[in-house]
Amino acid sequence: MAGNRPEASVARGDTYYYLDRFAQAQKAYQDALQVDPRNAQAQLGVGQTLYAMYLREPARYDEALQALQKAKQMQPRAETTLAASC
């Protein structure tokens, strides 16, 4: 869990995400949320990763939508970032 530093887990998740390694990205973002359940960046990473997975596995749509909505609730001013991921 990156030494209990959620920002390190988020950075790792971002790296995996941009390498299209979505399962590993998801794990890294979840690690960050275990340390800091209110980490909006980690929640947004979860949502974006699930959305990317949904594009390959349409059954993940509801899961992706819920994660993105939760990220929006955690950080309401992130609408521009959220809109870009949808």
Foldseek 3Di string as FASTA:
>chain_A
DVVLDLVVLLVVLVVCVVVVVLVSSLVSLVVSCVSPVLPLSSLCSNLLSLLVVCVVVVVSVVVSVVSLVVSCVSPVVCVVVSVVSD
